[in-house]
């Protein structure tokens, strides 16, 4: 039986090291399973962190989104 690979698209900042990217992929594999094929996209709008798209779900762990959440929290 052939296992179908799921596709994960990871948007990262241009300055993320290969070591950090590999650790990120390993963590995603541990959390979601080993049947994942990764596509890396370097995006200048990502100033830090990453944005993961997997199984139709977006996991936004970018610095920009974290700052927006913090601003909203402080405003309330």
N, C-alpha and C. Protein backbone atom coordinates (compact mmCIF):
# COMPACT_ATOMS: atom_id res chain seq x y z
N UNK A 1 0.84 -1.18 0.00
CA UNK A 1 0.00 0.00 0.00
C UNK A 1 0.89 1.25 0.00
N UNK A 2 0.62 2.16 -0.89
CA UNK A 2 1.40 3.38 -1.00
C UNK A 2 0.76 4.46 -0.14
N UNK A 3 1.57 5.08 0.72
CA UNK A 3 1.06 6.13 1.58
C UNK A 3 1.07 7.45 0.81
N UNK A 4 -0.08 8.14 0.81
CA UNK A 4 -0.17 9.42 0.12
C UNK A 4 0.48 10.50 0.98
N UNK A 5 1.34 11.28 0.36
CA UNK A 5 2.04 12.36 1.07
C UNK A 5 1.13 13.59 1.15
N UNK A 6 1.11 14.21 2.32
CA UNK A 6 0.42 15.47 2.51
C UNK A 6 1.42 16.59 2.25
N UNK A 7 0.92 17.72 1.78
CA UNK A 7 1.82 18.82 1.45
C UNK A 7 1.70 19.92 2.49
N UNK A 8 2.84 20.35 3.00
CA UNK A 8 2.92 21.46 3.94
C UNK A 8 3.69 22.59 3.25
N UNK A 9 3.09 23.76 3.21
CA UNK A 9 3.76 24.94 2.66
C UNK A 9 4.16 25.83 3.84
N UNK A 10 5.43 26.13 3.93
CA UNK A 10 5.94 26.95 5.03
C UNK A 10 6.51 28.24 4.47
N UNK A 11 5.92 29.36 4.87
CA UNK A 11 6.46 30.67 4.50
C UNK A 11 7.36 31.12 5.64
N UNK A 12 8.58 31.48 5.29
CA UNK A 12 9.56 31.88 6.31
C UNK A 12 10.21 33.19 5.92
N UNK A 13 10.84 33.81 6.90
CA UNK A 13 11.64 35.01 6.64
C UNK A 13 12.89 34.63 5.87
N UNK A 14 13.41 35.57 5.11
CA UNK A 14 14.59 35.29 4.28
C UNK A 14 15.82 34.96 5.11
N UNK A 15 15.83 35.38 6.37
CA UNK A 15 17.03 35.18 7.19
C UNK A 15 16.95 33.95 8.10
N UNK A 16 15.94 33.10 7.93
CA UNK A 16 15.87 31.89 8.76
C UNK A 16 16.99 30.93 8.32
N UNK A 17 17.74 30.44 9.28
CA UNK A 17 18.85 29.53 8.95
C UNK A 17 18.30 28.16 8.55
N UNK A 18 19.12 27.42 7.80
CA UNK A 18 18.75 26.06 7.41
C UNK A 18 18.55 25.18 8.64
N UNK A 19 19.38 25.40 9.65
CA UNK A 19 19.27 24.62 10.89
C UNK A 19 17.92 24.85 11.55
N UNK A 20 17.49 26.11 11.65
CA UNK A 20 16.20 26.43 12.25
C UNK A 20 15.06 25.86 11.41
N UNK A 21 15.16 25.99 10.09
CA UNK A 21 14.14 25.45 9.19
C UNK A 21 14.01 23.94 9.37
N UNK A 22 15.14 23.24 9.45
CA UNK A 22 15.11 21.78 9.64
C UNK A 22 14.49 21.40 10.98
N UNK A 23 14.79 22.17 12.02
CA UNK A 23 14.18 21.92 13.34
C UNK A 23 12.67 22.13 13.26
N UNK A 24 12.24 23.16 12.55
CA UNK A 24 10.82 23.44 12.36
C UNK A 24 10.15 22.28 11.65
N UNK A 25 10.74 21.80 10.57
CA UNK A 25 10.17 20.67 9.83
C UNK A 25 10.10 19.41 10.70
N UNK A 26 11.14 19.17 11.49
CA UNK A 26 11.13 18.02 12.39
C UNK A 26 10.01 18.12 13.42
N UNK A 27 9.79 19.33 13.96
CA UNK A 27 8.71 19.53 14.92
C UNK A 27 7.35 19.32 14.30
N UNK A 28 7.18 19.79 13.08
CA UNK A 28 5.90 19.60 12.37
C UNK A 28 5.67 18.11 12.12
N UNK A 29 6.72 17.41 11.71
CA UNK A 29 6.62 15.97 11.48
C UNK A 29 6.23 15.24 12.76
N UNK A 30 6.83 15.61 13.88
CA UNK A 30 6.51 14.97 15.16
C UNK A 30 5.05 15.23 15.55
N UNK A 31 4.55 16.43 15.29
CA UNK A 31 3.20 16.79 15.69
C UNK A 31 2.13 16.23 14.76
N UNK A 32 2.40 16.26 13.44
CA UNK A 32 1.36 15.94 12.46
C UNK A 32 1.58 14.62 11.71
N UNK A 33 2.73 13.99 11.87
CA UNK A 33 2.99 12.72 11.20
C UNK A 33 4.09 12.83 10.16
N UNK A 34 4.61 11.67 9.78
CA UNK A 34 5.77 11.64 8.90
C UNK A 34 5.40 11.63 7.42
N UNK A 35 4.11 11.67 7.11
CA UNK A 35 3.67 11.60 5.72
C UNK A 35 3.54 12.99 5.09
N UNK A 36 4.47 13.88 5.42
CA UNK A 36 4.39 15.28 4.98
C UNK A 36 5.55 15.61 4.05
N UNK A 37 5.22 16.22 2.94
CA UNK A 37 6.21 16.75 2.01
C UNK A 37 6.22 18.27 2.20
N UNK A 38 7.39 18.85 2.39
CA UNK A 38 7.50 20.27 2.69
C UNK A 38 7.86 21.09 1.46
N UNK A 39 7.23 22.25 1.37
CA UNK A 39 7.59 23.25 0.37
C UNK A 39 7.93 24.53 1.12
N UNK A 40 9.14 25.03 0.91
CA UNK A 40 9.59 26.24 1.60
C UNK A 40 9.45 27.43 0.68
N UNK A 41 8.82 28.49 1.20
CA UNK A 41 8.69 29.74 0.46
C UNK A 41 9.29 30.84 1.32
N UNK A 42 10.26 31.54 0.75
CA UNK A 42 10.84 32.70 1.43
C UNK A 42 9.98 33.90 1.07
N UNK A 43 9.48 34.58 2.10
CA UNK A 43 8.53 35.69 1.89
C UNK A 43 9.04 36.90 2.65
N UNK A 44 9.32 37.99 1.93
CA UNK A 44 9.84 39.20 2.57
C UNK A 44 8.86 39.86 3.52
N UNK A 45 7.56 39.53 3.42
CA UNK A 45 6.59 40.10 4.35
C UNK A 45 6.62 39.39 5.71
N UNK A 46 7.27 38.23 5.77
CA UNK A 46 7.43 37.52 7.04
C UNK A 46 8.72 38.02 7.67
N UNK A 47 8.59 38.79 8.75
CA UNK A 47 9.78 39.39 9.37
C UNK A 47 10.42 38.48 10.40
N UNK A 48 9.74 37.42 10.74
CA UNK A 48 10.25 36.43 11.68
C UNK A 48 9.17 35.40 11.91
N UNK A 49 9.56 34.24 12.41
CA UNK A 49 8.59 33.17 12.62
C UNK A 49 8.27 32.48 11.31
N UNK A 50 7.04 31.95 11.23
CA UNK A 50 6.65 31.22 10.03
C UNK A 50 5.14 31.19 9.90
N UNK A 51 4.68 30.86 8.69
CA UNK A 51 3.27 30.63 8.42
C UNK A 51 3.19 29.27 7.73
N UNK A 52 2.47 28.35 8.35
CA UNK A 52 2.35 26.99 7.85
C UNK A 52 0.95 26.77 7.30
N UNK A 53 0.87 26.17 6.12
CA UNK A 53 -0.40 25.75 5.54
C UNK A 53 -0.35 24.24 5.41
N UNK A 54 -1.27 23.55 6.10
CA UNK A 54 -1.29 22.09 6.09
C UNK A 54 -2.73 21.62 6.23
N UNK A 55 -3.14 20.74 5.36
CA UNK A 55 -4.48 20.16 5.40
C UNK A 55 -5.58 21.23 5.38
N UNK A 56 -5.35 22.31 4.65
CA UNK A 56 -6.35 23.37 4.53
C UNK A 56 -6.43 24.30 5.73
N UNK A 57 -5.50 24.16 6.67
CA UNK A 57 -5.48 25.00 7.87
C UNK A 57 -4.21 25.85 7.84
N UNK A 58 -4.36 27.13 8.20
CA UNK A 58 -3.22 28.05 8.27
C UNK A 58 -2.81 28.20 9.74
N UNK A 59 -1.55 27.95 10.03
CA UNK A 59 -0.98 28.14 11.36
C UNK A 59 -0.03 29.33 11.25
N UNK A 60 -0.45 30.48 11.75
CA UNK A 60 0.33 31.71 11.60
C UNK A 60 1.08 31.99 12.89
N UNK A 61 2.35 31.71 12.87
CA UNK A 61 3.22 31.97 14.01
C UNK A 61 4.27 33.00 13.62
N UNK A 62 3.83 33.98 12.84
CA UNK A 62 4.76 35.02 12.40
C UNK A 62 4.85 36.14 13.44
N UNK A 63 5.93 36.84 13.44
CA UNK A 63 6.13 37.96 14.36
C UNK A 63 5.06 39.02 14.12
N UNK A 64 4.74 39.28 12.87
CA UNK A 64 3.72 40.28 12.55
C UNK A 64 2.39 39.96 13.23
N UNK A 65 1.96 38.71 13.16
CA UNK A 65 0.69 38.32 13.78
C UNK A 65 0.78 38.38 15.30
N UNK A 66 1.91 37.99 15.85
CA UNK A 66 2.09 38.07 17.30
C UNK A 66 2.03 39.52 17.77
N UNK A 67 2.62 40.44 17.01
CA UNK A 67 2.56 41.86 17.37
C UNK A 67 1.13 42.40 17.27
N UNK A 68 0.39 41.97 16.26
CA UNK A 68 -1.02 42.38 16.13
C UNK A 68 -1.84 41.91 17.32
N UNK A 69 -1.61 40.66 17.74
CA UNK A 69 -2.33 40.13 18.91
C UNK A 69 -1.98 40.92 20.17
N UNK A 70 -0.70 41.23 20.33
CA UNK A 70 -0.26 41.99 21.49
C UNK A 70 -0.90 43.39 21.49
N UNK A 71 -0.90 44.04 20.34
CA UNK A 71 -1.51 45.37 20.23
C UNK A 71 -3.00 45.33 20.59
N UNK A 72 -3.69 44.31 20.10
CA UNK A 72 -5.12 44.15 20.40
C UNK A 72 -5.32 43.91 21.89
N UNK A 73 -4.47 43.09 22.48
CA UNK A 73 -4.57 42.79 23.91
C UNK A 73 -4.35 44.03 24.76
N UNK A 74 -3.35 44.83 24.38
CA UNK A 74 -3.05 46.05 25.13
C UNK A 74 -4.18 47.06 25.00
N UNK A 75 -4.78 47.13 23.81
CA UNK A 75 -5.87 48.08 23.57
C UNK A 75 -7.12 47.74 24.39
N UNK A 76 -7.29 46.48 24.71
CA UNK A 76 -8.48 46.07 25.48
C UNK A 76 -8.18 46.21 26.91
